[in-house]
């Protein structure tokens, strides 16, 4: 057992029996948080894989300024 776990066990031994429900509740919450971390990590990895799979290359002659101008005209020209 690690030093940290030994220290935790010693602290738990000193806690009165009446208060042990609180300790159990805290430990259950910590355990749930630990398992959620793994799920969150897996979700993040899956999301990154989805993004990387959607990655596309722009054509060599892509002009972002021209594309922006055309998009603005398309969207806002009807306001004039």
N, C-alpha and C. Protein backbone atom coordinates (compact mmCIF):
# COMPACT_ATOMS: atom_id res chain seq x y z
N UNK A 1 0.85 -1.17 0.00
CA UNK A 1 0.00 0.00 0.00
C UNK A 1 0.89 1.24 0.00
N UNK A 2 0.48 2.23 -0.77
CA UNK A 2 1.29 3.45 -0.83
C UNK A 2 1.13 4.25 0.46
N UNK A 3 2.04 5.16 0.63
CA UNK A 3 2.03 6.01 1.83
C UNK A 3 0.74 6.82 1.90
N UNK A 4 0.30 7.30 0.77
CA UNK A 4 -0.93 8.11 0.74
C UNK A 4 -2.13 7.28 1.16
N UNK A 5 -2.22 6.05 0.64
CA UNK A 5 -3.34 5.18 1.01
C UNK A 5 -3.28 4.81 2.49
N UNK A 6 -2.08 4.55 2.98
CA UNK A 6 -1.93 4.24 4.40
C UNK A 6 -2.39 5.41 5.26
N UNK A 7 -2.04 6.59 4.84
CA UNK A 7 -2.45 7.79 5.57
C UNK A 7 -3.97 7.94 5.56
N UNK A 8 -4.59 7.67 4.41
CA UNK A 8 -6.05 7.74 4.30
C UNK A 8 -6.72 6.72 5.21
N UNK A 9 -6.18 5.51 5.23
CA UNK A 9 -6.74 4.45 6.08
C UNK A 9 -6.64 4.85 7.55
N UNK A 10 -5.51 5.40 7.94
CA UNK A 10 -5.33 5.83 9.34
C UNK A 10 -6.33 6.92 9.69
N UNK A 11 -6.56 7.84 8.79
CA UNK A 11 -7.54 8.90 9.05
C UNK A 11 -8.94 8.32 9.19
N UNK A 12 -9.27 7.37 8.33
CA UNK A 12 -10.59 6.74 8.38
C UNK A 12 -10.77 5.99 9.70
N UNK A 13 -9.73 5.35 10.17
CA UNK A 13 -9.81 4.62 11.44
C UNK A 13 -10.14 5.54 12.61
N UNK A 14 -9.69 6.79 12.53
CA UNK A 14 -9.93 7.74 13.62
C UNK A 14 -11.32 8.38 13.57
N UNK A 15 -12.02 8.23 12.45
CA UNK A 15 -13.34 8.85 12.31
C UNK A 15 -14.37 8.03 13.11
N UNK A 16 -15.23 8.70 13.87
CA UNK A 16 -16.25 7.99 14.65
C UNK A 16 -17.20 7.21 13.72
N UNK A 17 -17.71 6.11 14.22
CA UNK A 17 -18.60 5.23 13.45
C UNK A 17 -19.82 6.00 12.92
N UNK A 18 -20.32 6.93 13.71
CA UNK A 18 -21.50 7.70 13.30
C UNK A 18 -21.26 8.52 12.03
N UNK A 19 -20.02 8.90 11.79
CA UNK A 19 -19.69 9.74 10.64
C UNK A 19 -19.23 8.94 9.42
N UNK A 20 -19.19 7.64 9.53
CA UNK A 20 -18.68 6.82 8.43
C UNK A 20 -19.55 6.91 7.17
N UNK A 21 -20.84 7.18 7.32
CA UNK A 21 -21.70 7.32 6.14
C UNK A 21 -21.22 8.46 5.25
N UNK A 22 -20.75 9.54 5.88
CA UNK A 22 -20.22 10.67 5.11
C UNK A 22 -18.98 10.25 4.33
N UNK A 23 -18.13 9.49 4.96
CA UNK A 23 -16.91 9.02 4.31
C UNK A 23 -17.27 8.13 3.12
N UNK A 24 -18.21 7.23 3.32
CA UNK A 24 -18.63 6.34 2.24
C UNK A 24 -19.22 7.15 1.09
N UNK A 25 -20.02 8.14 1.41
CA UNK A 25 -20.62 8.98 0.39
C UNK A 25 -19.55 9.70 -0.42
N UNK A 26 -18.57 10.26 0.27
CA UNK A 26 -17.47 10.96 -0.41
C UNK A 26 -16.70 10.00 -1.30
N UNK A 27 -16.39 8.82 -0.80
CA UNK A 27 -15.64 7.83 -1.59
C UNK A 27 -16.43 7.38 -2.82
N UNK A 28 -17.73 7.22 -2.67
CA UNK A 28 -18.56 6.83 -3.82
C UNK A 28 -18.55 7.92 -4.88
N UNK A 29 -18.63 9.18 -4.44
CA UNK A 29 -18.58 10.29 -5.39
C UNK A 29 -17.23 10.37 -6.10
N UNK A 30 -16.17 10.15 -5.36
CA UNK A 30 -14.83 10.14 -5.98
C UNK A 30 -14.70 9.02 -6.99
N UNK A 31 -15.23 7.86 -6.63
CA UNK A 31 -15.17 6.71 -7.54
C UNK A 31 -15.95 7.00 -8.82
N UNK A 32 -17.11 7.62 -8.70
CA UNK A 32 -17.92 7.96 -9.87
C UNK A 32 -17.19 8.98 -10.75
N UNK A 33 -16.53 9.95 -10.11
CA UNK A 33 -15.79 10.95 -10.88
C UNK A 33 -14.64 10.30 -11.64
N UNK A 34 -13.98 9.32 -11.05
CA UNK A 34 -12.87 8.65 -11.71
C UNK A 34 -13.34 7.90 -12.95
N UNK A 35 -14.48 7.22 -12.83
CA UNK A 35 -14.98 6.47 -13.99
C UNK A 35 -15.46 7.42 -15.07
N UNK A 36 -16.00 8.58 -14.68
CA UNK A 36 -16.44 9.56 -15.67
C UNK A 36 -15.26 10.16 -16.43
N UNK A 37 -14.11 10.26 -15.78
CA UNK A 37 -12.93 10.79 -16.46
C UNK A 37 -12.57 9.93 -17.66
N UNK A 38 -12.63 8.62 -17.49
CA UNK A 38 -12.30 7.73 -18.59
C UNK A 38 -13.30 7.89 -19.72
N UNK A 39 -14.58 8.02 -19.38
CA UNK A 39 -15.60 8.23 -20.41
C UNK A 39 -15.37 9.55 -21.13
N UNK A 40 -15.04 10.61 -20.35
CA UNK A 40 -14.79 11.92 -20.95
C UNK A 40 -13.57 11.88 -21.87
N UNK A 41 -12.52 11.17 -21.44
CA UNK A 41 -11.33 11.04 -22.29
C UNK A 41 -11.68 10.35 -23.60
N UNK A 42 -12.48 9.29 -23.51
CA UNK A 42 -12.85 8.55 -24.71
C UNK A 42 -13.72 9.42 -25.63
N UNK A 43 -14.64 10.20 -25.04
CA UNK A 43 -15.46 11.10 -25.85
C UNK A 43 -14.58 12.13 -26.57
N UNK A 44 -13.60 12.67 -25.86
CA UNK A 44 -12.71 13.65 -26.45
C UNK A 44 -11.89 13.04 -27.58
N UNK A 45 -11.40 11.83 -27.38
CA UNK A 45 -10.64 11.15 -28.43
C UNK A 45 -11.51 10.89 -29.66
N UNK A 46 -12.74 10.47 -29.43
CA UNK A 46 -13.66 10.22 -30.54
C UNK A 46 -13.98 11.51 -31.30
N UNK A 47 -14.17 12.61 -30.56
CA UNK A 47 -14.46 13.89 -31.19
C UNK A 47 -13.27 14.36 -32.03
N UNK A 48 -12.07 14.19 -31.51
CA UNK A 48 -10.88 14.57 -32.27
C UNK A 48 -10.75 13.73 -33.52
N UNK A 49 -11.01 12.44 -33.41
CA UNK A 49 -10.95 11.56 -34.58
C UNK A 49 -11.97 11.99 -35.63
N UNK A 50 -13.17 12.38 -35.19
CA UNK A 50 -14.19 12.87 -36.13
C UNK A 50 -13.73 14.12 -36.85
N UNK A 51 -13.13 15.04 -36.09
CA UNK A 51 -12.64 16.29 -36.69
C UNK A 51 -11.55 15.99 -37.71
N UNK A 52 -10.63 15.12 -37.34
CA UNK A 52 -9.52 14.81 -38.25
C UNK A 52 -10.02 14.09 -39.50
N UNK A 53 -11.06 13.28 -39.36
CA UNK A 53 -11.62 12.61 -40.52
C UNK A 53 -12.32 13.58 -41.46
N UNK A 54 -12.83 14.69 -40.92
CA UNK A 54 -13.52 15.67 -41.74
C UNK A 54 -12.57 16.67 -42.38
N UNK A 55 -11.33 16.64 -41.97
CA UNK A 55 -10.35 17.59 -42.47
C UNK A 55 -10.24 17.48 -43.99
N UNK A 56 -10.29 18.63 -44.66
CA UNK A 56 -10.19 18.66 -46.11
C UNK A 56 -9.10 19.64 -46.51
N UNK A 57 -8.53 19.39 -47.65
CA UNK A 57 -7.51 20.28 -48.19
C UNK A 57 -8.18 21.31 -49.08
N UNK A 58 -7.70 22.54 -49.01
CA UNK A 58 -8.21 23.60 -49.88
C UNK A 58 -7.50 23.52 -51.22
N UNK A 59 -8.18 23.93 -52.27
CA UNK A 59 -7.51 23.95 -53.58
C UNK A 59 -6.32 24.91 -53.58
N UNK A 60 -5.39 24.66 -54.46
CA UNK A 60 -4.19 25.50 -54.55
C UNK A 60 -4.53 26.96 -54.84
N UNK A 61 -5.56 27.20 -55.64
CA UNK A 61 -5.91 28.56 -56.03
C UNK A 61 -6.95 29.20 -55.10
N UNK A 62 -7.11 28.69 -53.89
CA UNK A 62 -8.09 29.22 -52.94
C UNK A 62 -7.67 30.61 -52.50
N UNK A 63 -8.61 31.56 -52.61
CA UNK A 63 -8.36 32.95 -52.22
C UNK A 63 -9.34 33.32 -51.11
N UNK A 64 -8.89 33.33 -49.85
CA UNK A 64 -9.82 33.58 -48.75
C UNK A 64 -10.48 34.96 -48.82
N UNK A 65 -9.77 35.98 -49.31
CA UNK A 65 -10.34 37.33 -49.41
C UNK A 65 -11.49 37.33 -50.41
N UNK A 66 -11.25 36.70 -51.55
CA UNK A 66 -12.29 36.63 -52.58
C UNK A 66 -13.50 35.83 -52.07
N UNK A 67 -13.24 34.74 -51.40
CA UNK A 67 -14.32 33.91 -50.85
C UNK A 67 -15.15 34.71 -49.85
N UNK A 68 -14.49 35.49 -49.01
CA UNK A 68 -15.19 36.31 -48.02
C UNK A 68 -16.05 37.37 -48.71
N UNK A 69 -15.49 38.02 -49.71
CA UNK A 69 -16.24 39.04 -50.44
C UNK A 69 -17.49 38.43 -51.09
N UNK A 70 -17.33 37.29 -51.73
CA UNK A 70 -18.46 36.63 -52.38
C UNK A 70 -19.52 36.22 -51.36
N UNK A 71 -19.09 35.73 -50.22
CA UNK A 71 -20.04 35.33 -49.18
C UNK A 71 -20.80 36.53 -48.64
N UNK A 72 -20.11 37.65 -48.47
CA UNK A 72 -20.78 38.87 -47.99
C UNK A 72 -21.79 39.37 -49.01
N UNK A 73 -21.41 39.37 -50.26
CA UNK A 73 -22.34 39.80 -51.32
C UNK A 73 -23.56 38.90 -51.35
N UNK A 74 -23.33 37.60 -51.27
CA UNK A 74 -24.42 36.64 -51.31
C UNK A 74 -25.37 36.86 -50.13
N UNK A 75 -24.81 37.10 -48.95
CA UNK A 75 -25.63 37.20 -47.76
C UNK A 75 -26.29 38.58 -47.60
N UNK A 76 -25.56 39.65 -47.90
CA UNK A 76 -26.03 40.98 -47.56
C UNK A 76 -26.44 41.83 -48.77
N UNK A 77 -26.26 41.37 -49.99
CA UNK A 77 -26.59 42.16 -51.17
C UNK A 77 -28.09 42.48 -51.23
N UNK A 78 -28.89 41.58 -50.72
CA UNK A 78 -30.33 41.81 -50.77
C UNK A 78 -30.79 42.93 -49.83
N UNK A 79 -29.93 43.38 -48.94
CA UNK A 79 -30.29 44.46 -48.01
C UNK A 79 -30.25 45.82 -48.68
N UNK A 80 -29.56 45.92 -49.81
CA UNK A 80 -29.45 47.21 -50.53
C UNK A 80 -30.69 47.54 -51.30
